[in-house]
Amino acid sequence: MAYIGNQYNHLEKDLYKAPTVFPSGSTSLDTANDKESVVSDCESGVSGPCFDQPSLCNNGLIQLCSGDKAHDLITRRFLSNLGSMAVHIKDLTIQKNCFAGVTWQARLQSFQIFNKAMEKKCGGGGDANVKYAWCAATRDEICKIVEHGFGHCGLPKNSGLYGHGIYLSPDDSPMESVKTAVADKNGVRYLMLCRVILGKAELVQPGSKQCHPSSDEFDSGVDDLSSPKKYVVWSTHLNTHILPEFIVSFRATSSLKGFLGMQDRLKMPTSPWISFPALISALSKYLPPTAMNLISKYYRDHKDKKISRHELIQLVRQFAGDKLLIAVIKSSRTKVLD
C-alpha cells in the first residue's frame, strides 16, 4: 500500500495508510500482516464488545470492534485528547467507510489525484499537508454525506465566522468538535474523522466572507497559523479535499452534558446578569474597533432574525474568548449586587 502524502500528523504516524482500491472494489486501511503499521502498547480506554447503537446507515459503513487496530488507536487518541472529560464518554462506537460503490471509488481516486497534484504544486515531491481532522455533524447530515458526498443539503452547520466552507478540528483537539456535536433522539452524538488535504493554509480572520482561496498560493484556511484549532476547507474543495474515513458516535454522561450546557449558560452574553447592549459596551473597552463592529453587526443580524441566538453566542465567544466574557459578566453582576 502506498502512503498518501509525505508528512503525517499523529494518527498517520502511528497507524494509517491510504485506502487502496482492490479489484473487487473494496478498500482497506490496514491488514493483519502489515508490519509497517504500528500500534501503541497502551491499553484502550474502551474495551469489550461492539455497542448496540442504532445503525447509522446501511450504505458502505461497517462497525469496528475492540481489538481492531484502527478502532483501538482512534479510541485511545480520542479519549486521551479529551483529558478529564474522557471519563464522561460512554458507548463509544466506531464505523469505517468502506467506500463501497462506483461513486465512492471515484471520490477516493479523486482524492488521491488531488493529493498528487498538491504535491506537485508544492514542488515536485513536496508536502501536500494531509491531516486527520474531526468534523461534527448530525446523524442526518452524515447519512447524506455517506450516501451522496458533501453537498448543500448535507453540509454540517457552523457559525460562518471563518467564511463559507467546512470547519474541522485537528486530530489532537477533538473537544473543539465535541462542543458542537448535536445529540440525536437517542442521545447519540456523531463526529466524522476525515483525511484532509490542506496544502498551504492561509490565516482567515473572524468575520470573513471568504469562500475560496484568496490566491493560487493558498489551498485552505486556519484560524491560527502556529496552533490552529480550526481547519477551513472551502466549499469549492469539499468533495476533492475531504475524505470521511470513520464515524465516531458516543453518548455523554450527565456530567459531560452539564459541562457542555454550562459553557452556553455561563458564557452566553444573553445571561440574566447582563444584556447584549451592556455586554457590547463592556467589551468595547477590551476589543479592537474592527471586532466590535462585527459583534454589533451580528447583534443586529440576530435582532433581524438573520441568525439564531445560539449562533450569535458562538460568534461573540469566538471574538471575545470565554475568559473575557466570564470576567465581564462577573464584573457586571458584582456592580449590580453592590
Protein backbone atom coordinates (compact mmCIF):
# COMPACT_ATOMS: atom_id res chain seq x y z
CA MET A 1 0.00 0.00 0.00
CA ALA A 2 1.23 3.47 -0.79
CA TYR A 3 1.05 6.26 1.74
CA ILE A 4 -0.87 9.42 0.86
CA GLY A 5 1.32 12.44 1.43
CA ASN A 6 4.89 12.75 2.67
CA GLN A 7 4.14 14.26 6.10
CA TYR A 8 1.77 12.78 8.66
CA ASN A 9 0.05 14.02 11.76
CA HIS A 10 -0.14 11.92 14.92
CA LEU A 11 -2.66 9.34 13.74
CA GLU A 12 -0.89 8.70 10.49
CA LYS A 13 2.49 8.34 12.16
CA ASP A 14 1.05 5.63 14.39
CA LEU A 15 -1.03 3.55 12.03
CA TYR A 16 -2.90 4.66 8.99
CA LYS A 17 -2.17 4.06 5.39
CA ALA A 18 -4.06 5.38 2.43
CA PRO A 19 -7.09 3.38 1.35
CA THR A 20 -6.13 1.13 -1.53
CA VAL A 21 -8.56 0.20 -4.28
CA PHE A 22 -8.74 -3.54 -4.86
CA PRO A 23 -10.12 -5.29 -7.95
CA SER A 24 -13.25 -6.23 -6.06
CA GLY A 25 -13.93 -2.58 -5.35
CA SER A 26 -13.36 -2.96 -1.61
CA THR A 27 -10.81 -0.89 0.29
CA SER A 28 -8.65 -1.35 3.33
CA LEU A 29 -6.72 0.89 5.68
CA ASP A 30 -4.69 -1.85 7.28
CA THR A 31 -4.07 -5.58 7.16
CA ALA A 32 -3.29 -8.08 9.86
CA ASN A 33 0.11 -8.82 8.32
CA ASP A 34 1.13 -5.23 7.64
CA LYS A 35 4.36 -4.98 9.61
CA GLU A 36 4.77 -1.29 8.83
CA SER A 37 1.63 -0.43 10.79
CA VAL A 38 2.44 0.14 14.43
CA VAL A 39 0.01 0.11 17.33
CA SER A 40 0.97 1.58 20.70
CA ASP A 41 1.25 -0.76 23.68
CA CYS A 42 -1.00 1.40 25.86
CA GLU A 43 -4.39 -0.10 26.61
CA SER A 44 -7.58 1.12 25.02
CA GLY A 45 -9.79 3.42 27.05
CA VAL A 46 -12.88 1.49 25.97
CA SER A 47 -12.91 -2.26 25.80
CA GLY A 48 -15.43 -5.04 25.32
CA PRO A 49 -17.79 -5.98 22.52
CA CYS A 50 -19.31 -3.65 19.98
CA PHE A 51 -22.01 -1.43 21.45
CA ASP A 52 -25.55 -1.90 20.22
CA GLN A 53 -26.30 1.60 18.98
CA PRO A 54 -28.94 2.19 16.32
CA SER A 55 -27.45 1.70 12.86
CA LEU A 56 -26.33 4.99 11.34
CA CYS A 57 -26.97 3.97 7.77
CA ASN A 58 -26.54 0.86 5.72
CA ASN A 59 -24.61 2.29 2.79
CA GLY A 60 -20.93 1.35 2.95
CA LEU A 61 -20.27 1.57 6.70
CA ILE A 62 -19.01 -1.31 8.82
CA GLN A 63 -18.72 -1.23 12.60
CA LEU A 64 -15.31 -1.82 14.12
CA CYS A 65 -14.88 -3.65 17.41
CA SER A 66 -12.34 -3.62 20.20
CA GLY A 67 -9.22 -5.44 19.05
CA ASP A 68 -9.29 -3.92 15.56
CA LYS A 69 -6.16 -1.78 15.17
CA ALA A 70 -7.95 1.24 13.76
CA HIS A 71 -10.67 1.03 16.43
CA ASP A 72 -8.22 0.87 19.30
CA LEU A 73 -5.96 3.63 18.05
CA ILE A 74 -8.82 6.05 17.36
CA THR A 75 -10.33 5.25 20.75
CA ARG A 76 -7.07 5.87 22.61
CA ARG A 77 -6.31 9.12 20.85
CA PHE A 78 -9.87 10.42 21.09
CA LEU A 79 -10.13 9.77 24.82
CA SER A 80 -6.59 10.88 25.69
CA ASN A 81 -7.07 14.19 23.90
CA LEU A 82 -10.32 14.84 25.76
CA GLY A 83 -8.38 14.88 29.03
CA SER A 84 -10.53 14.81 32.15
CA MET A 85 -13.69 14.84 30.04
CA ALA A 86 -12.92 11.35 28.71
CA VAL A 87 -14.49 9.66 31.75
CA HIS A 88 -17.85 11.11 30.71
CA ILE A 89 -17.87 9.37 27.31
CA LYS A 90 -19.80 6.11 27.09
CA ASP A 91 -21.00 3.69 24.41
CA LEU A 92 -18.24 4.74 22.03
CA THR A 93 -18.77 3.19 18.59
CA ILE A 94 -16.57 3.49 15.51
CA GLN A 95 -17.71 2.77 11.96
CA LYS A 96 -15.47 2.69 8.91
CA ASN A 97 -16.36 3.99 5.49
CA CYS A 98 -15.65 1.15 3.05
CA PHE A 99 -16.01 3.44 0.02
CA ALA A 100 -18.48 0.99 -1.45
CA GLY A 101 -19.88 1.51 -4.91
CA VAL A 102 -18.66 3.13 -8.09
CA THR A 103 -19.30 6.71 -6.90
CA TRP A 104 -17.25 6.41 -3.72
CA GLN A 105 -14.49 4.65 -5.61
CA ALA A 106 -14.40 7.66 -7.95
CA ARG A 107 -14.28 10.05 -4.98
CA LEU A 108 -11.46 8.03 -3.45
CA GLN A 109 -9.46 8.15 -6.66
CA SER A 110 -10.21 11.86 -6.99
CA PHE A 111 -8.81 12.45 -3.50
CA GLN A 112 -5.63 10.58 -4.45
CA ILE A 113 -5.30 12.53 -7.70
CA PHE A 114 -5.69 15.88 -5.94
CA ASN A 115 -3.16 14.77 -3.33
CA LYS A 116 -0.62 14.07 -6.08
CA ALA A 117 -1.47 17.39 -7.73
CA MET A 118 -0.91 19.18 -4.42
CA GLU A 119 2.48 17.51 -4.03
CA LYS A 120 3.49 18.77 -7.48
CA LYS A 121 2.20 22.23 -6.68
CA CYS A 122 4.37 22.23 -3.55
CA GLY A 123 7.49 21.48 -5.53
CA GLY A 124 7.55 18.06 -7.13
CA GLY A 125 7.82 15.73 -4.16
CA GLY A 126 6.51 18.40 -1.83
CA ASP A 127 4.25 18.15 1.19
CA ALA A 128 0.52 18.10 0.43
CA ASN A 129 -0.09 18.70 4.14
CA VAL A 130 -2.54 15.82 4.59
CA LYS A 131 -4.02 15.67 8.09
CA TYR A 132 -6.60 13.75 10.03
CA ALA A 133 -9.28 16.03 11.46
CA TRP A 134 -12.61 15.86 13.29
CA CYS A 135 -15.87 17.24 11.98
CA ALA A 136 -19.09 17.33 13.99
CA ALA A 137 -22.28 16.57 12.08
CA THR A 138 -25.77 15.39 12.83
CA ARG A 139 -26.93 11.85 12.12
CA ASP A 140 -28.94 13.02 9.09
CA GLU A 141 -26.05 15.06 7.71
CA ILE A 142 -23.67 12.10 7.97
CA CYS A 143 -26.15 9.78 6.27
CA LYS A 144 -26.44 12.23 3.36
CA ILE A 145 -22.67 12.63 3.15
CA VAL A 146 -22.09 8.86 3.20
CA GLU A 147 -24.72 8.35 0.51
CA HIS A 148 -24.19 11.38 -1.73
CA GLY A 149 -20.96 13.08 -0.69
CA PHE A 150 -20.75 16.66 0.51
CA GLY A 151 -23.49 18.81 -0.90
CA HIS A 152 -25.69 21.73 0.02
CA CYS A 153 -28.23 19.59 1.89
CA GLY A 154 -25.60 17.51 3.68
CA LEU A 155 -23.19 20.18 4.91
CA PRO A 156 -22.50 20.27 8.66
CA LYS A 157 -23.66 23.59 10.06
CA ASN A 158 -21.14 26.04 11.52
CA SER A 159 -21.06 29.61 12.77
CA GLY A 160 -19.92 31.04 9.44
CA LEU A 161 -17.34 33.07 11.35
CA TYR A 162 -14.45 31.91 9.16
CA GLY A 163 -16.12 32.02 5.78
CA HIS A 164 -18.03 29.55 3.63
CA GLY A 165 -16.73 26.03 3.95
CA ILE A 166 -16.48 23.14 6.35
CA TYR A 167 -14.74 23.63 9.69
CA LEU A 168 -12.74 20.74 11.10
CA SER A 169 -10.63 20.47 14.24
CA PRO A 170 -7.17 18.87 14.40
CA ASP A 171 -6.92 15.23 15.37
CA ASP A 172 -5.45 16.20 18.76
CA SER A 173 -8.27 18.67 19.52
CA PRO A 174 -11.48 16.60 19.42
CA MET A 175 -13.14 18.73 22.12
CA GLU A 176 -13.45 21.57 19.60
CA SER A 177 -15.79 19.32 17.59
CA VAL A 178 -17.42 17.62 20.57
CA LYS A 179 -18.64 21.06 21.70
CA THR A 180 -20.69 21.41 18.52
CA ALA A 181 -21.89 17.81 18.22
CA VAL A 182 -25.68 17.63 18.48
CA ALA A 183 -27.29 14.60 20.12
CA ASP A 184 -29.95 12.70 18.18
CA LYS A 185 -33.24 11.46 19.66
CA ASN A 186 -31.35 8.55 21.27
CA GLY A 187 -28.81 10.84 22.91
CA VAL A 188 -26.03 9.84 20.48
CA ARG A 189 -23.54 12.41 19.16
CA TYR A 190 -21.54 11.99 15.98
CA LEU A 191 -18.13 13.01 14.69
CA MET A 192 -16.51 12.24 11.36
CA LEU A 193 -12.79 11.52 11.35
CA CYS A 194 -11.64 12.70 7.95
CA ARG A 195 -8.43 12.73 6.00
CA VAL A 196 -7.98 16.28 4.70
CA ILE A 197 -5.70 17.79 2.05
CA LEU A 198 -4.78 21.21 3.45
CA GLY A 199 -1.92 22.18 1.14
CA LYS A 200 -0.73 25.65 2.07
CA ALA A 201 -3.09 27.19 4.61
CA GLU A 202 -3.78 30.89 4.97
CA LEU A 203 -4.94 32.79 8.03
CA VAL A 204 -8.67 33.56 7.95
CA GLN A 205 -9.82 36.47 10.09
CA PRO A 206 -13.06 36.29 12.11
CA GLY A 207 -15.97 37.71 10.16
CA SER A 208 -14.54 36.62 6.81
CA LYS A 209 -16.93 36.03 3.92
CA GLN A 210 -14.30 34.05 2.05
CA CYS A 211 -15.47 31.04 0.03
CA HIS A 212 -12.31 30.09 -1.86
CA PRO A 213 -8.54 30.60 -1.53
CA SER A 214 -7.54 34.25 -1.70
CA SER A 215 -4.91 33.43 -4.34
CA ASP A 216 -3.33 30.50 -6.16
CA GLU A 217 -0.71 30.41 -3.42
CA PHE A 218 -3.17 29.03 -0.83
CA ASP A 219 -5.40 25.98 -0.62
CA SER A 220 -7.20 26.05 2.77
CA GLY A 221 -7.72 28.26 5.80
CA VAL A 222 -6.90 28.17 9.50
CA ASP A 223 -7.87 30.32 12.46
CA ASP A 224 -4.26 30.41 13.71
CA LEU A 225 -1.12 29.72 11.66
CA SER A 226 1.03 28.47 14.55
CA SER A 227 -1.55 26.49 16.54
CA PRO A 228 -4.80 26.08 14.58
CA LYS A 229 -7.98 24.91 16.24
CA LYS A 230 -9.98 25.14 13.03
CA TYR A 231 -9.16 23.94 9.55
CA VAL A 232 -11.35 25.55 6.89
CA VAL A 233 -11.88 23.61 3.66
CA TRP A 234 -13.59 25.87 1.16
CA SER A 235 -16.88 24.97 -0.46
CA THR A 236 -15.08 24.60 -3.81
CA HIS A 237 -12.96 21.74 -2.43
CA LEU A 238 -15.41 19.69 -0.39
CA ASN A 239 -15.57 16.50 -2.45
CA THR A 240 -11.94 16.55 -3.53
CA HIS A 241 -10.03 17.55 -0.38
CA ILE A 242 -12.01 15.78 2.38
CA LEU A 243 -12.26 12.02 2.73
CA PRO A 244 -14.56 10.91 5.61
CA GLU A 245 -12.99 7.62 6.70
CA PHE A 246 -14.52 6.94 10.13
CA ILE A 247 -17.69 7.83 12.01
CA VAL A 248 -17.31 8.03 15.79
CA SER A 249 -20.50 8.05 17.83
CA PHE A 250 -20.94 8.20 21.59
CA ARG A 251 -23.24 9.12 24.40
CA ALA A 252 -22.34 11.66 27.06
CA THR A 253 -22.96 11.17 30.75
CA SER A 254 -24.99 13.79 32.54
CA SER A 255 -21.74 15.36 33.75
CA LEU A 256 -20.45 15.98 30.23
CA LYS A 257 -23.86 17.18 29.05
CA GLY A 258 -23.86 19.52 32.01
CA PHE A 259 -20.36 20.73 31.12
CA LEU A 260 -21.33 21.43 27.51
CA GLY A 261 -24.55 23.11 28.59
CA MET A 262 -22.72 25.14 31.23
CA GLN A 263 -20.49 26.62 28.54
CA ASP A 264 -23.54 28.14 26.90
CA ARG A 265 -25.28 29.10 30.13
CA LEU A 266 -22.31 30.66 31.92
CA LYS A 267 -20.59 32.14 28.91
CA MET A 268 -23.50 33.32 26.84
CA PRO A 269 -23.91 37.07 26.51
CA THR A 270 -27.68 36.79 26.99
CA SER A 271 -27.27 35.65 30.57
CA PRO A 272 -29.71 37.32 33.00
CA TRP A 273 -26.67 39.01 34.54
CA ILE A 274 -26.10 41.33 31.58
CA SER A 275 -27.96 42.44 28.46
CA PHE A 276 -26.42 42.35 25.00
CA PRO A 277 -26.16 46.16 24.70
CA ALA A 278 -24.46 46.29 28.09
CA LEU A 279 -22.15 43.44 27.11
CA ILE A 280 -21.20 45.19 23.86
CA SER A 281 -20.46 48.38 25.78
CA ALA A 282 -18.28 46.49 28.26
CA LEU A 283 -16.41 44.55 25.59
CA SER A 284 -15.60 47.76 23.68
CA LYS A 285 -13.10 48.57 26.46
CA TYR A 286 -11.06 45.47 25.62
CA LEU A 287 -11.59 44.57 21.97
CA PRO A 288 -10.42 46.50 18.87
CA PRO A 289 -12.94 48.54 16.87
CA THR A 290 -12.94 46.05 13.98
CA ALA A 291 -14.03 43.24 16.31
CA MET A 292 -16.66 45.43 17.97
CA ASN A 293 -18.09 46.48 14.61
CA LEU A 294 -18.57 42.83 13.66
CA ILE A 295 -20.11 41.95 17.04
CA SER A 296 -22.54 44.85 16.66
CA LYS A 297 -23.37 43.70 13.14
CA TYR A 298 -24.08 40.14 14.32
CA TYR A 299 -26.26 41.51 17.12
CA ARG A 300 -28.28 43.46 14.53
CA ASP A 301 -28.50 40.31 12.40
CA HIS A 302 -29.89 38.46 15.40
CA LYS A 303 -32.48 41.17 16.05
CA ASP A 304 -33.47 40.97 12.38
CA LYS A 305 -33.77 37.17 12.78
CA LYS A 306 -31.00 36.52 10.25
CA ILE A 307 -29.04 34.39 12.71
CA SER A 308 -30.15 32.41 15.73
CA ARG A 309 -29.45 33.27 19.35
CA HIS A 310 -27.11 30.28 19.60
CA GLU A 311 -25.17 31.42 16.51
CA LEU A 312 -24.80 34.90 17.97
CA ILE A 313 -23.49 33.45 21.22
CA GLN A 314 -20.90 31.36 19.40
CA LEU A 315 -19.78 34.31 17.30
CA VAL A 316 -19.30 36.56 20.33
CA ARG A 317 -17.39 33.79 22.08
CA GLN A 318 -15.07 33.50 19.07
CA PHE A 319 -14.23 37.20 19.17
CA ALA A 320 -14.05 37.80 22.92
CA GLY A 321 -12.92 34.46 24.30
CA ASP A 322 -14.55 32.73 27.23
CA LYS A 323 -12.21 34.16 29.89
CA LEU A 324 -13.01 37.75 28.96
CA LEU A 325 -16.76 37.05 28.71
CA ILE A 326 -16.87 35.44 32.14
CA ALA A 327 -14.85 38.29 33.65
CA VAL A 328 -17.15 40.92 32.10
CA ILE A 329 -20.30 39.11 33.21
CA LYS A 330 -18.99 38.61 36.76
CA SER A 331 -17.94 42.24 36.93
CA SER A 332 -21.39 43.37 35.79
CA ARG A 333 -23.08 41.12 38.32
CA THR A 334 -20.87 42.45 41.13
CA LYS A 335 -21.79 46.04 40.26
CA VAL A 336 -25.49 45.16 40.31
CA LEU A 337 -25.15 43.49 43.71
CA ASP A 338 -23.26 46.49 45.05
